[in-house]
Amino acid sequence: MVIRVLSQPNHPARLAAIFLGALAILAIVASAAYAGAWVWSDITADPAPAPGGVIGSADVETGDGLVVLTPVEDAAAFEERTGFAPFVPERVPEGTEPMPSFAVTPPNEEGERIGRVAFSARRGYEREGLSGPVVVISQGKGAPGDGVNGALRQIGDGRALASAFPCGDLVLDVQLYFSPDDVSGPAAITPYMRELAEDYVRGIMRDCA
C-alpha cells in the first residue's frame, strides 16, 4: 500500500509543491490533499472553523501537521475503505482535468475514514496568467457544524479557495488551488479566481440537491 505523507497548506513555499507535482495525477492527489489537510472533527462539530484558517485532520497526525493519505485505485476501492460511495462532481472547471483520483485516510479511533477525490490541473491551460485550478474534495459522513454553510474562504494567504457544506449524508470541503502562487495575502485572490470558485461551488450544491 502506497502511503503519501502530506503537510498542511499555510506556507506559500509548500503550496508551490502542489504544482511542481502536477506531472502525475497521483502526485496531485497527494500534494493537493496535503495542501488542503483539515480537521474533520472541526467540520462536523459545533464550533465553526477559525476565520481564514484551514481545517486540519483528526484522523492521523504524524507530527508537525503531517497527515497520512493512502491512494486507492477507483471509486469501488474508495467505498470499500470508507463505507460510502465517493461524491464525484458532474463537471470540473475548464482548466482542470476531468479524470478523478481517489485517496483515503487511515481510520480514526471510531474506525471512520475521510475520503478525498482530486482532479489535476490541465496541462497547457492558462487564463489571466493562472493555471488550474487543482480541485480537491475532502468528504466524510457526519452532520455539519455551525459555519459549514458554503461560504467561500481563502486557504491560508495563498492562491487557494475552499468551501464546506453538507451534501446528502456527507459533508464536503471543496478546495481549489491556482498556480503560480507568487502572490500572498488578500491580493492573491483575483476576481477571476473568486468568480470561478463561486460558480463551481454553486454547481456542486445543485448536484447535491
Protein backbone atom coordinates (compact mmCIF):
# COMPACT_ATOMS: atom_id res chain seq x y z
CA MET A 1 0.00 0.00 0.00
CA VAL A 2 1.47 3.31 -1.06
CA ILE A 3 1.33 5.97 1.64
CA ARG A 4 1.65 9.67 0.93
CA VAL A 5 2.68 11.93 3.76
CA LEU A 6 1.14 15.33 3.33
CA SER A 7 1.61 18.59 5.20
CA GLN A 8 -0.72 21.47 5.89
CA PRO A 9 -1.05 24.34 3.43
CA ASN A 10 -0.44 27.60 5.23
CA HIS A 11 3.12 28.10 3.97
CA PRO A 12 3.36 29.61 0.44
CA ALA A 13 6.52 27.66 -0.39
CA ARG A 14 4.80 24.41 0.50
CA LEU A 15 1.74 25.34 -1.53
CA ALA A 16 4.04 25.66 -4.55
CA ALA A 17 4.91 21.99 -4.17
CA ILE A 18 1.38 21.14 -5.26
CA PHE A 19 2.00 22.42 -8.73
CA LEU A 20 5.54 21.08 -9.07
CA GLY A 21 3.97 17.66 -8.60
CA ALA A 22 1.37 18.21 -11.33
CA LEU A 23 3.01 15.82 -13.79
CA ALA A 24 1.19 12.85 -12.27
CA ILE A 25 -2.41 12.66 -11.12
CA LEU A 26 -1.44 10.56 -8.14
CA ALA A 27 1.12 13.13 -7.11
CA ILE A 28 -1.54 15.80 -7.44
CA VAL A 29 -3.78 13.86 -5.10
CA ALA A 30 -1.05 13.65 -2.51
CA SER A 31 0.19 17.21 -2.88
CA ALA A 32 -3.13 18.96 -3.27
CA ALA A 33 -4.70 16.98 -0.49
CA TYR A 34 -1.74 17.78 1.71
CA ALA A 35 -2.31 21.41 0.98
CA GLY A 36 -5.94 21.01 1.96
CA ALA A 37 -5.44 19.00 5.15
CA TRP A 38 -8.29 19.71 7.59
CA VAL A 39 -9.76 18.52 10.88
CA TRP A 40 -12.94 16.58 10.27
CA SER A 41 -13.97 16.93 13.88
CA ASP A 42 -13.96 20.71 13.39
CA ILE A 43 -16.23 20.49 10.37
CA THR A 44 -18.78 18.15 11.95
CA ALA A 45 -18.69 19.55 15.49
CA ASP A 46 -20.49 22.61 16.78
CA PRO A 47 -17.67 25.18 16.78
CA ALA A 48 -17.19 26.95 13.44
CA PRO A 49 -13.77 26.78 11.76
CA ALA A 50 -11.48 29.67 12.56
CA PRO A 51 -11.88 32.55 10.07
CA GLY A 52 -9.34 32.37 7.28
CA GLY A 53 -7.91 29.13 8.66
CA VAL A 54 -7.72 25.73 7.10
CA ILE A 55 -9.32 22.74 8.61
CA GLY A 56 -6.68 20.07 9.64
CA SER A 57 -7.09 16.26 10.22
CA ALA A 58 -8.32 14.48 13.31
CA ASP A 59 -7.76 11.00 11.94
CA VAL A 60 -3.98 10.63 11.68
CA GLU A 61 -1.36 13.02 12.98
CA THR A 62 2.29 12.16 12.36
CA GLY A 63 3.75 15.29 13.93
CA ASP A 64 4.42 18.78 12.58
CA GLY A 65 0.98 18.84 10.98
CA LEU A 66 1.65 15.90 8.68
CA VAL A 67 -1.32 13.83 7.54
CA VAL A 68 -1.19 10.35 6.02
CA LEU A 69 -3.23 9.53 2.90
CA THR A 70 -3.45 6.24 1.01
CA PRO A 71 -4.25 6.48 -2.72
CA VAL A 72 -6.81 3.89 -3.87
CA GLU A 73 -7.44 2.57 -7.35
CA ASP A 74 -11.01 3.61 -8.02
CA ALA A 75 -14.41 4.55 -6.61
CA ALA A 76 -15.14 0.95 -5.61
CA ALA A 77 -11.95 0.73 -3.53
CA PHE A 78 -12.79 4.13 -2.02
CA GLU A 79 -16.24 2.90 -0.96
CA GLU A 80 -14.82 -0.35 0.40
CA ARG A 81 -12.42 1.58 2.67
CA THR A 82 -14.74 4.40 3.77
CA GLY A 83 -18.14 2.69 3.79
CA PHE A 84 -19.68 5.30 1.48
CA ALA A 85 -19.59 6.00 -2.25
CA PRO A 86 -17.42 8.98 -3.20
CA PHE A 87 -19.08 12.17 -4.32
CA VAL A 88 -17.69 12.89 -7.80
CA PRO A 89 -18.92 16.16 -9.33
CA GLU A 90 -20.55 16.12 -12.76
CA ARG A 91 -18.13 18.73 -14.07
CA VAL A 92 -14.82 20.42 -13.28
CA PRO A 93 -13.55 23.90 -14.22
CA GLU A 94 -12.21 24.39 -17.75
CA GLY A 95 -8.60 24.45 -16.52
CA THR A 96 -8.98 21.13 -14.68
CA GLU A 97 -8.58 17.57 -15.97
CA PRO A 98 -11.85 15.61 -15.61
CA MET A 99 -10.27 12.29 -14.51
CA PRO A 100 -10.62 11.86 -10.73
CA SER A 101 -8.10 10.26 -8.40
CA PHE A 102 -9.08 8.77 -5.04
CA ALA A 103 -7.40 8.60 -1.63
CA VAL A 104 -8.47 7.80 1.93
CA THR A 105 -7.13 8.43 5.41
CA PRO A 106 -6.43 5.61 7.86
CA PRO A 107 -9.32 5.02 10.28
CA ASN A 108 -9.68 7.21 13.34
CA GLU A 109 -10.45 5.86 16.83
CA GLU A 110 -14.07 5.20 15.80
CA GLY A 111 -12.94 3.35 12.66
CA GLU A 112 -14.11 6.14 10.35
CA ARG A 113 -12.13 7.34 7.35
CA ILE A 114 -12.17 10.57 5.37
CA GLY A 115 -12.00 10.33 1.60
CA ARG A 116 -10.56 12.70 -0.98
CA VAL A 117 -11.39 12.99 -4.67
CA ALA A 118 -8.88 15.10 -6.61
CA PHE A 119 -8.51 16.48 -10.12
CA SER A 120 -5.22 17.76 -11.54
CA ALA A 121 -4.64 20.98 -13.46
CA ARG A 122 -4.96 20.76 -17.25
CA ARG A 123 -1.60 20.97 -18.97
CA GLY A 124 -1.08 23.97 -21.20
CA TYR A 125 -4.17 25.82 -19.94
CA GLU A 126 -3.76 29.39 -18.74
CA ARG A 127 -6.10 32.31 -18.15
CA GLU A 128 -5.13 35.70 -16.77
CA GLY A 129 -1.68 34.27 -16.10
CA LEU A 130 -3.05 31.47 -13.94
CA SER A 131 -3.19 27.71 -14.49
CA GLY A 132 -5.55 25.25 -12.89
CA PRO A 133 -7.28 25.02 -10.58
CA VAL A 134 -6.36 21.75 -8.96
CA VAL A 135 -9.60 20.59 -7.31
CA VAL A 136 -9.64 18.53 -4.10
CA ILE A 137 -12.90 17.42 -2.49
CA SER A 138 -12.50 16.05 1.03
CA GLN A 139 -15.58 14.20 2.21
CA GLY A 140 -16.99 12.11 5.00
CA LYS A 141 -20.20 11.17 6.77
CA GLY A 142 -21.46 13.44 9.52
CA ALA A 143 -23.68 16.36 10.38
CA PRO A 144 -22.26 19.79 9.51
CA GLY A 145 -21.28 22.06 12.38
CA ASP A 146 -22.01 25.76 12.68
CA GLY A 147 -20.47 27.81 9.88
CA VAL A 148 -20.29 24.88 7.45
CA ASN A 149 -22.64 26.66 5.09
CA GLY A 150 -20.94 27.03 1.71
CA ALA A 151 -19.22 30.34 2.44
CA LEU A 152 -16.07 30.77 0.35
CA ARG A 153 -12.84 31.21 2.29
CA GLN A 154 -9.20 31.75 1.39
CA ILE A 155 -6.89 28.94 2.48
CA GLY A 156 -4.03 30.49 4.42
CA ASP A 157 -2.77 33.52 2.48
CA GLY A 158 -2.09 31.73 -0.80
CA ARG A 159 -3.88 31.30 -4.11
CA ALA A 160 -6.40 28.78 -2.88
CA LEU A 161 -10.11 28.92 -2.03
CA ALA A 162 -12.38 26.46 -0.24
CA SER A 163 -15.99 25.98 0.77
CA ALA A 164 -17.52 23.42 3.18
CA PHE A 165 -21.17 22.38 3.08
CA PRO A 166 -23.49 19.36 3.51
CA CYS A 167 -24.26 17.08 0.57
CA GLY A 168 -26.87 14.45 1.41
CA ASP A 169 -25.46 12.43 4.30
CA LEU A 170 -21.92 13.68 3.59
CA VAL A 171 -20.06 16.86 4.41
CA LEU A 172 -17.83 18.17 1.61
CA ASP A 173 -14.87 20.52 1.73
CA VAL A 174 -14.21 21.69 -1.84
CA GLN A 175 -10.74 23.19 -2.35
CA LEU A 176 -9.37 24.94 -5.46
CA TYR A 177 -5.64 25.66 -5.92
CA PHE A 178 -4.29 28.01 -8.58
CA SER A 179 -0.74 28.42 -9.90
CA PRO A 180 1.62 30.22 -9.77
CA ASP A 181 1.43 31.11 -6.09
CA ASP A 182 3.90 34.00 -6.24
CA VAL A 183 1.39 36.36 -4.59
CA SER A 184 0.18 36.02 -1.00
CA GLY A 185 -2.33 37.76 1.21
CA PRO A 186 -5.64 39.27 0.09
CA ALA A 187 -4.14 40.25 -3.29
CA ALA A 188 -3.54 36.56 -4.07
CA ILE A 189 -7.24 36.05 -4.81
CA THR A 190 -8.22 37.76 -8.07
CA PRO A 191 -11.81 38.47 -9.18
CA TYR A 192 -11.45 35.73 -11.82
CA MET A 193 -10.47 33.14 -9.19
CA ARG A 194 -13.28 34.11 -6.85
CA GLU A 195 -15.89 34.13 -9.63
CA LEU A 196 -14.74 30.71 -10.88
CA ALA A 197 -14.77 29.24 -7.36
CA GLU A 198 -18.19 30.67 -6.52
CA ASP A 199 -19.68 29.33 -9.75
CA TYR A 200 -18.12 25.90 -9.21
CA VAL A 201 -19.32 25.62 -5.62
CA ARG A 202 -22.86 26.66 -6.64
CA GLY A 203 -22.82 23.92 -9.30
CA ILE A 204 -21.80 21.26 -6.78
CA MET A 205 -24.51 22.43 -4.39
CA ARG A 206 -27.04 21.99 -7.19
CA ASP A 207 -25.71 18.47 -7.78
CA CYS A 208 -26.11 17.73 -4.07
CA ALA A 209 -29.68 18.97 -4.06
